[in-house]
Protein backbone atom coordinates (compact mmCIF):
# COMPACT_ATOMS: atom_id res chain seq x y z
CA MET A 1 -42.74 21.83 -118.20
CA PRO A 2 -42.12 19.68 -115.09
CA LEU A 3 -42.87 20.80 -111.53
CA VAL A 4 -40.17 23.32 -110.67
CA SER A 5 -38.09 24.33 -107.66
CA MET A 6 -39.54 27.05 -105.44
CA ARG A 7 -36.06 28.51 -104.98
CA GLN A 8 -35.91 29.44 -108.67
CA LEU A 9 -39.33 31.17 -108.53
CA LEU A 10 -38.36 33.14 -105.41
CA ASP A 11 -34.97 34.15 -106.85
CA GLU A 12 -36.72 35.44 -109.98
CA ALA A 13 -39.33 37.24 -107.85
CA ALA A 14 -36.56 38.94 -105.84
CA GLN A 15 -34.94 40.16 -109.05
CA GLY A 16 -38.28 41.43 -110.34
CA GLY A 17 -39.37 43.01 -107.04
CA TYR A 18 -42.58 40.98 -106.72
CA ALA A 19 -43.87 38.06 -104.62
CA ILE A 20 -45.51 34.71 -105.37
CA GLY A 21 -48.84 33.73 -103.88
CA ALA A 22 -48.87 30.26 -102.33
CA PHE A 23 -52.39 28.82 -102.39
CA ASN A 24 -53.52 25.83 -100.32
CA VAL A 25 -55.43 23.01 -101.99
CA ASN A 26 -57.44 20.00 -100.87
CA ASN A 27 -59.28 18.97 -104.04
CA MET A 28 -59.54 19.15 -107.83
CA GLU A 29 -61.72 22.27 -108.03
CA GLN A 30 -59.22 24.31 -106.01
CA ILE A 31 -56.31 23.27 -108.25
CA GLN A 32 -58.41 24.10 -111.33
CA ALA A 33 -59.28 27.55 -109.93
CA ILE A 34 -55.60 28.35 -109.22
CA MET A 35 -54.37 27.15 -112.61
CA GLU A 36 -57.06 29.05 -114.53
CA ALA A 37 -56.15 32.21 -112.57
CA ALA A 38 -52.45 31.61 -113.31
CA ARG A 39 -53.12 31.23 -117.03
CA GLU A 40 -55.33 34.29 -117.19
CA THR A 41 -52.77 36.48 -115.37
CA ARG A 42 -49.69 34.68 -116.80
CA SER A 43 -48.38 34.00 -113.29
CA PRO A 44 -45.86 31.53 -111.88
CA VAL A 45 -47.49 29.84 -108.89
CA VAL A 46 -46.93 27.84 -105.70
CA VAL A 47 -49.61 25.27 -104.92
CA GLN A 48 -49.28 23.95 -101.39
CA ALA A 49 -50.72 21.08 -99.42
CA SER A 50 -50.73 20.86 -95.64
CA ARG A 51 -50.61 17.63 -93.66
CA GLY A 52 -54.38 18.00 -93.27
CA ALA A 53 -54.79 18.22 -97.05
CA ARG A 54 -52.52 15.24 -97.66
CA SER A 55 -54.57 13.17 -95.25
CA TYR A 56 -57.94 14.45 -96.61
CA ALA A 57 -57.19 13.99 -100.33
CA GLN A 58 -54.55 11.23 -100.03
CA ASP A 59 -51.08 11.91 -101.42
CA ARG A 60 -51.42 10.01 -104.68
CA TYR A 61 -54.62 11.84 -105.68
CA LEU A 62 -53.05 15.20 -104.91
CA TYR A 63 -49.84 14.41 -106.74
CA HIS A 64 -51.62 13.18 -109.87
CA LEU A 65 -53.89 16.24 -109.88
CA MET A 66 -50.69 18.31 -109.90
CA LEU A 67 -49.28 16.27 -112.78
CA ALA A 68 -52.54 16.94 -114.67
CA ALA A 69 -52.04 20.67 -113.99
CA VAL A 70 -48.50 20.49 -115.41
CA GLU A 71 -49.81 18.71 -118.50
CA LEU A 72 -52.71 21.12 -119.09
CA TYR A 73 -50.82 24.35 -118.30
CA PRO A 74 -47.34 23.75 -119.71
CA GLU A 75 -46.60 27.49 -119.87
CA ILE A 76 -46.98 28.02 -116.09
CA PRO A 77 -43.95 27.50 -113.77
CA LEU A 78 -45.56 25.43 -111.00
CA VAL A 79 -44.24 24.44 -107.57
CA LEU A 80 -45.75 21.73 -105.35
CA HIS A 81 -44.94 22.74 -101.77
CA LEU A 82 -45.51 21.01 -98.42
CA ASP A 83 -47.03 23.54 -96.00
CA HIS A 84 -46.12 23.18 -92.30
CA GLY A 85 -44.25 19.88 -92.30
CA ASN A 86 -44.16 18.87 -88.63
CA SER A 87 -41.08 16.62 -88.70
CA PRO A 88 -38.15 15.60 -90.91
CA GLU A 89 -40.04 12.32 -91.59
CA THR A 90 -43.09 14.21 -92.96
CA CYS A 91 -40.80 16.30 -95.19
CA LYS A 92 -38.98 13.16 -96.38
CA SER A 93 -42.28 11.51 -97.37
CA ALA A 94 -43.26 14.63 -99.38
CA ILE A 95 -39.87 14.75 -101.16
CA GLU A 96 -40.16 11.06 -102.06
CA MET A 97 -43.68 11.69 -103.35
CA GLY A 98 -42.40 14.36 -105.76
CA PHE A 99 -42.98 17.64 -103.93
CA THR A 100 -40.47 20.22 -105.22
CA SER A 101 -40.43 22.29 -102.03
CA VAL A 102 -41.04 21.54 -98.35
CA MET A 103 -41.57 23.58 -95.22
CA MET A 104 -40.03 22.21 -92.05
CA ASP A 105 -41.90 24.04 -89.31
CA GLY A 106 -39.60 23.36 -86.38
CA SER A 107 -41.03 26.32 -84.46
CA LEU A 108 -43.42 23.71 -83.04
CA MET A 109 -42.77 20.18 -81.80
CA PRO A 110 -43.93 17.24 -84.00
CA ASP A 111 -47.41 17.42 -82.39
CA GLY A 112 -47.86 20.66 -84.38
CA LYS A 113 -49.06 22.46 -81.24
CA THR A 114 -46.27 22.87 -78.65
CA PRO A 115 -43.72 25.66 -79.20
CA SER A 116 -40.21 24.16 -79.53
CA THR A 117 -36.74 25.37 -78.56
CA PHE A 118 -34.39 27.22 -80.92
CA GLU A 119 -31.96 24.27 -80.73
CA TYR A 120 -34.62 21.73 -81.72
CA ASN A 121 -35.76 23.95 -84.62
CA VAL A 122 -32.20 24.33 -85.95
CA GLU A 123 -31.46 20.61 -85.71
CA ALA A 124 -34.72 19.47 -87.38
CA THR A 125 -34.54 22.09 -90.13
CA ARG A 126 -30.86 21.47 -90.87
CA LYS A 127 -31.61 17.76 -91.30
CA VAL A 128 -34.33 18.55 -93.86
CA VAL A 129 -32.09 21.03 -95.72
CA GLU A 130 -29.38 18.37 -96.18
CA MET A 131 -31.87 15.78 -97.40
CA ALA A 132 -33.83 18.19 -99.68
CA HIS A 133 -30.93 20.07 -101.26
CA ALA A 134 -29.33 16.76 -102.30
CA ARG A 135 -32.38 16.37 -104.59
CA GLY A 136 -32.67 20.02 -105.65
CA VAL A 137 -35.75 20.55 -103.45
CA THR A 138 -36.34 23.93 -101.76
CA VAL A 139 -36.69 24.29 -97.96
CA GLU A 140 -38.69 26.89 -96.06
CA GLY A 141 -38.15 27.19 -92.31
CA GLU A 142 -40.06 29.08 -89.63
CA ILE A 143 -38.86 31.00 -86.61
CA GLY A 144 -41.24 32.59 -84.13
CA THR A 145 -44.72 31.13 -83.68
CA LEU A 146 -47.95 32.09 -85.44
CA GLY A 147 -51.25 32.27 -83.61
CA GLY A 148 -54.37 30.40 -84.63
CA ILE A 149 -54.96 26.83 -85.75
CA GLU A 150 -55.16 25.61 -89.34
CA ASP A 151 -55.65 21.99 -90.41
CA GLY A 152 -54.83 20.88 -86.85
CA HIS A 153 -51.56 22.83 -86.96
CA GLY A 154 -50.75 25.83 -84.76
CA ALA A 155 -49.94 26.72 -81.19
CA GLY A 156 -53.15 28.56 -80.35
CA VAL A 157 -50.90 31.26 -78.84
CA ASP A 158 -51.41 35.01 -78.79
CA ALA A 159 -49.91 36.05 -82.13
CA LEU A 160 -47.95 38.92 -80.53
CA SER A 161 -46.31 36.87 -77.77
CA HIS A 162 -44.04 34.80 -80.05
CA LEU A 163 -42.74 37.31 -82.60
CA THR A 164 -39.59 36.48 -84.57
CA ASP A 165 -36.42 37.90 -83.03
CA PRO A 166 -34.29 39.46 -85.84
CA ASP A 167 -30.91 38.35 -84.37
CA GLN A 168 -32.20 34.83 -83.85
CA ALA A 169 -33.57 34.78 -87.42
CA ALA A 170 -30.13 35.69 -88.80
CA GLU A 171 -28.47 32.97 -86.70
CA PHE A 172 -31.10 30.43 -87.74
CA VAL A 173 -30.51 31.05 -91.46
CA LYS A 174 -26.75 30.80 -90.98
CA LEU A 175 -27.01 27.50 -89.07
CA THR A 176 -29.60 25.81 -91.31
CA GLY A 177 -29.05 27.07 -94.87
CA VAL A 178 -32.79 27.42 -95.55
CA ASP A 179 -33.92 28.98 -98.83
CA ALA A 180 -36.88 30.87 -97.36
CA LEU A 181 -37.89 31.94 -93.87
CA ALA A 182 -41.43 32.25 -92.50
CA ILE A 183 -41.59 34.88 -89.78
CA ALA A 184 -44.08 35.72 -87.03
CA ILE A 185 -45.13 39.40 -87.12
CA GLY A 186 -48.62 39.17 -85.56
CA THR A 187 -50.46 37.27 -88.30
CA SER A 188 -52.28 34.03 -87.52
CA HIS A 189 -53.98 31.09 -89.20
CA GLY A 190 -57.70 31.06 -89.95
CA ALA A 191 -60.36 33.73 -90.47
CA TYR A 192 -60.17 35.37 -87.05
CA LYS A 193 -56.83 37.15 -87.28
CA PHE A 194 -57.68 40.61 -85.89
CA LYS A 195 -60.70 41.97 -83.99
CA GLU A 196 -60.38 45.29 -85.85
CA LYS A 197 -58.38 46.63 -88.76
CA PRO A 198 -54.76 45.89 -87.77
CA THR A 199 -52.50 48.74 -86.68
CA GLY A 200 -48.71 48.94 -86.30
CA GLU A 201 -49.26 47.57 -82.78
CA THR A 202 -51.00 44.37 -83.89
CA LEU A 203 -49.40 43.76 -87.30
CA ARG A 204 -45.69 44.35 -86.73
CA MET A 205 -44.42 45.39 -90.14
CA ASP A 206 -41.58 47.22 -88.36
CA ARG A 207 -40.32 43.81 -87.19
CA LEU A 208 -40.46 42.46 -90.75
CA ILE A 209 -38.42 45.43 -92.02
CA GLU A 210 -35.84 44.89 -89.25
CA ILE A 211 -35.49 41.19 -90.19
CA HIS A 212 -35.10 42.08 -93.87
CA LYS A 213 -32.26 44.49 -93.00
CA LYS A 214 -30.43 41.66 -91.20
CA LEU A 215 -31.21 39.10 -93.93
CA PRO A 216 -31.27 41.04 -97.21
CA ASN A 217 -30.57 37.88 -99.25
CA THR A 218 -33.08 35.54 -97.58
CA HIS A 219 -36.56 35.18 -99.07
CA LEU A 220 -39.11 36.06 -96.38
CA VAL A 221 -42.52 34.37 -96.16
CA MET A 222 -45.77 35.77 -94.75
CA HIS A 223 -48.05 33.07 -93.37
CA GLY A 224 -51.64 33.68 -92.29
CA SER A 225 -51.87 36.48 -94.85
CA SER A 226 -55.39 36.19 -96.19
CA SER A 227 -57.08 39.60 -96.34
CA VAL A 228 -60.51 38.22 -95.20
CA PRO A 229 -62.49 40.77 -97.29
CA LYS A 230 -65.76 41.97 -95.78
CA GLU A 231 -67.63 41.31 -99.05
CA LEU A 232 -66.77 37.58 -98.84
CA GLN A 233 -67.89 37.44 -95.20
CA ASP A 234 -71.12 39.26 -96.14
CA ILE A 235 -72.04 36.72 -98.84
CA ILE A 236 -71.68 33.85 -96.35
CA ASN A 237 -73.74 35.66 -93.71
CA ALA A 238 -76.40 36.76 -96.24
CA TYR A 239 -77.07 33.10 -97.03
CA GLY A 240 -77.34 31.66 -93.52
CA GLY A 241 -73.73 31.81 -92.27
CA LYS A 242 -72.75 33.15 -88.86
CA LEU A 243 -69.22 34.54 -89.19
CA ARG A 244 -68.25 36.99 -86.46
CA PRO A 245 -66.81 40.32 -87.67
CA THR A 246 -63.11 39.81 -88.41
CA TRP A 247 -60.18 41.48 -90.19
CA GLY A 248 -57.31 39.98 -92.15
CA VAL A 249 -54.03 41.39 -93.45
CA PRO A 250 -54.73 44.41 -95.70
CA VAL A 251 -53.38 43.99 -99.24
CA GLU A 252 -51.50 47.30 -98.94
CA GLU A 253 -49.59 45.96 -95.91
CA ILE A 254 -48.67 42.83 -97.88
CA GLN A 255 -47.41 45.07 -100.68
CA ARG A 256 -45.30 46.93 -98.11
CA GLY A 257 -43.90 43.55 -97.08
CA ILE A 258 -43.05 42.78 -100.74
CA ARG A 259 -41.03 46.01 -100.87
CA ASN A 260 -39.12 44.68 -97.84
CA GLY A 261 -38.06 41.19 -98.86
CA VAL A 262 -41.30 39.15 -98.73
CA ARG A 263 -41.28 36.73 -101.68
CA LYS A 264 -43.96 34.17 -100.73
CA ILE A 265 -47.41 34.92 -99.34
CA ASN A 266 -49.69 32.19 -98.03
CA VAL A 267 -53.38 32.54 -98.87
CA ASP A 268 -55.98 29.97 -97.81
CA THR A 269 -58.82 31.51 -95.80
CA ASP A 270 -59.85 33.96 -98.58
CA ASN A 271 -60.34 31.04 -100.97
CA ARG A 272 -62.30 29.04 -98.39
CA LEU A 273 -64.60 32.03 -97.81
CA ALA A 274 -65.16 32.50 -101.56
CA ILE A 275 -65.99 28.82 -102.08
CA THR A 276 -68.34 28.60 -99.09
CA GLY A 277 -70.18 31.81 -99.98
CA ALA A 278 -70.77 30.62 -103.56
CA ILE A 279 -72.07 27.22 -102.39
CA ARG A 280 -74.39 28.76 -99.76
CA LYS A 281 -75.81 31.11 -102.41
CA VAL A 282 -76.72 28.20 -104.72
CA PHE A 283 -78.32 26.24 -101.85
CA ALA A 284 -80.33 29.27 -100.69
CA GLU A 285 -81.47 30.51 -104.11
CA THR A 286 -82.10 27.13 -105.78
CA PRO A 287 -82.83 24.63 -102.98
CA GLU A 288 -84.12 22.13 -105.56
CA LYS A 289 -80.57 21.68 -106.97
CA PHE A 290 -78.73 18.50 -105.99
CA ASP A 291 -76.06 17.97 -108.66
CA PRO A 292 -72.65 18.76 -107.08
CA ARG A 293 -71.60 20.43 -110.35
CA ASP A 294 -74.33 23.03 -109.86
CA TYR A 295 -72.60 24.39 -106.76
CA LEU A 296 -68.96 23.39 -107.33
CA LYS A 297 -68.73 25.30 -110.64
CA PRO A 298 -69.69 28.67 -109.07
CA ALA A 299 -67.48 27.82 -106.07
CA ARG A 300 -64.51 27.21 -108.37
CA GLU A 301 -65.21 30.46 -110.25
CA ALA A 302 -65.43 32.47 -106.99
CA MET A 303 -62.04 31.12 -105.92
CA ARG A 304 -60.54 31.85 -109.34
CA GLN A 305 -61.55 35.51 -109.00
CA VAL A 306 -59.88 35.79 -105.57
CA VAL A 307 -56.67 34.10 -106.77
CA MET A 308 -56.50 36.37 -109.85
CA ALA A 309 -56.88 39.46 -107.65
CA ARG A 310 -54.08 38.28 -105.32
CA MET A 311 -51.74 37.38 -108.20
CA THR A 312 -52.21 40.85 -109.63
CA ALA A 313 -51.75 42.58 -106.24
CA PHE A 314 -48.59 40.57 -105.43
CA GLY A 315 -46.99 41.59 -108.75
CA GLN A 316 -46.47 38.07 -110.11
CA ALA A 317 -48.90 38.58 -113.01
CA GLY A 318 -47.19 38.62 -116.39
CA HIS A 319 -44.03 36.82 -115.21
CA ALA A 320 -44.82 33.21 -116.21
CA GLY A 321 -42.75 33.33 -119.39
CA ASP A 322 -39.72 35.21 -118.04
CA TYR A 323 -37.36 32.26 -117.62
CA ALA A 324 -36.73 28.63 -118.49
CA PRO A 325 -37.38 26.35 -115.50
CA LEU A 326 -34.31 24.54 -114.20
CA PRO A 327 -34.59 20.79 -113.59
CA LEU A 328 -34.21 19.67 -109.95
CA GLU A 329 -30.97 17.87 -110.90
CA GLU A 330 -29.47 21.24 -111.91
CA MET A 331 -30.66 22.78 -108.63
CA ALA A 332 -29.03 19.89 -106.72
CA ARG A 333 -25.74 20.58 -108.54
CA ARG A 334 -25.98 24.26 -107.61
CA TYR A 335 -26.60 23.44 -103.95
CA ALA A 336 -23.66 21.01 -103.95
CA ALA A 337 -21.41 23.71 -105.42
C-alpha cells in the first residue's frame, strides 16, 4: 500500500464519526512506536514532520523511514503530512519530496512567529492548494493563531487573544478550497498549555461548535491537543526532571470536538513526555548502562502505549481495513473534476 492522501482518511473518518491522530516524528524509534500502535489497534494514521523535524532528521532519512513503514505495515493506510509549513516554497519542497499532505500555516508570516493578515493567509494558502491538488495532495490551512512555540514555530501570543472567527473561517475555506482547517480555540503548542484544568473560559469548545455549524463539510483540526497526563509528568519529575505543574486538553473535550466536526488531532508533547520519562528512569535506576538500545527500547515502548491509548480514544481503532486507498493520481482527477 503506498502512502495515501489525508483527504481520503478524513472523509472516511467523517463518515464513521471518528478522528485520526496525527503524531509528530523526528527519528526512527518514534515512527516504529506509531506503526506498532497502528497495527495493534488496526488504525489508519497520519505521521507528520515539522520544519524542525525535517531539518533535524534531514528529509531523505525521514522519507525513507516512511517508505520502510509502508513496506513493513502494508495493511495500514498511512499519510505523510507536513506540519506547519511556513511558506508556499516549504510546502512545494515537501510535495516534491513525496509528502501526501501539507499544512500551509499562513496565520503567521514566513518567519513562523509574526501573525499575518487575512489577505496574506488566503493568498499563500490558495497558491498551495492549486499546486497540491494538481498532484492529489491534501492541504490543511490555519486561521486564528495558536499560543506557544513548537520547533521554532509559533507566535508566543496569549492563546485566547487570537481565536478563530467563525465568519472569517467560512470565508477562508470558500476563498482557498482547503481540505482541512486548523482552528484556534485556546490550545497552544508545548507542555505548558493551561495553568489549571481548562474550563469553558480557557478552552473555547463553544467556538469550535460555532465554526462546525458554519462549515459542516470542512474537516476541522485541533492543534496543540496533547493531554499532558499527570502520570507522565510525575515519572519525569521522579527521576530528576523539573517540570512545572501543567494541564493539557482533556481527552473528553477532544471527544466532544470529534462529535462536532474535528477529524484530525495533533499529538506531540504526550509522546515527548513518555519518551523522556522512560529514558530518565533507565539512567536513574541503572546508571551503569551506556548502550543506546537499553534506553531507546523502553522509550519507544512508552510512546507506543500513549499512541495506542489516543488511537482508541479518538475512535480510529479498528478502521484500517475499511477501504481501499486511492492513488494520488485518482485524487488529482477528483480535484480537477
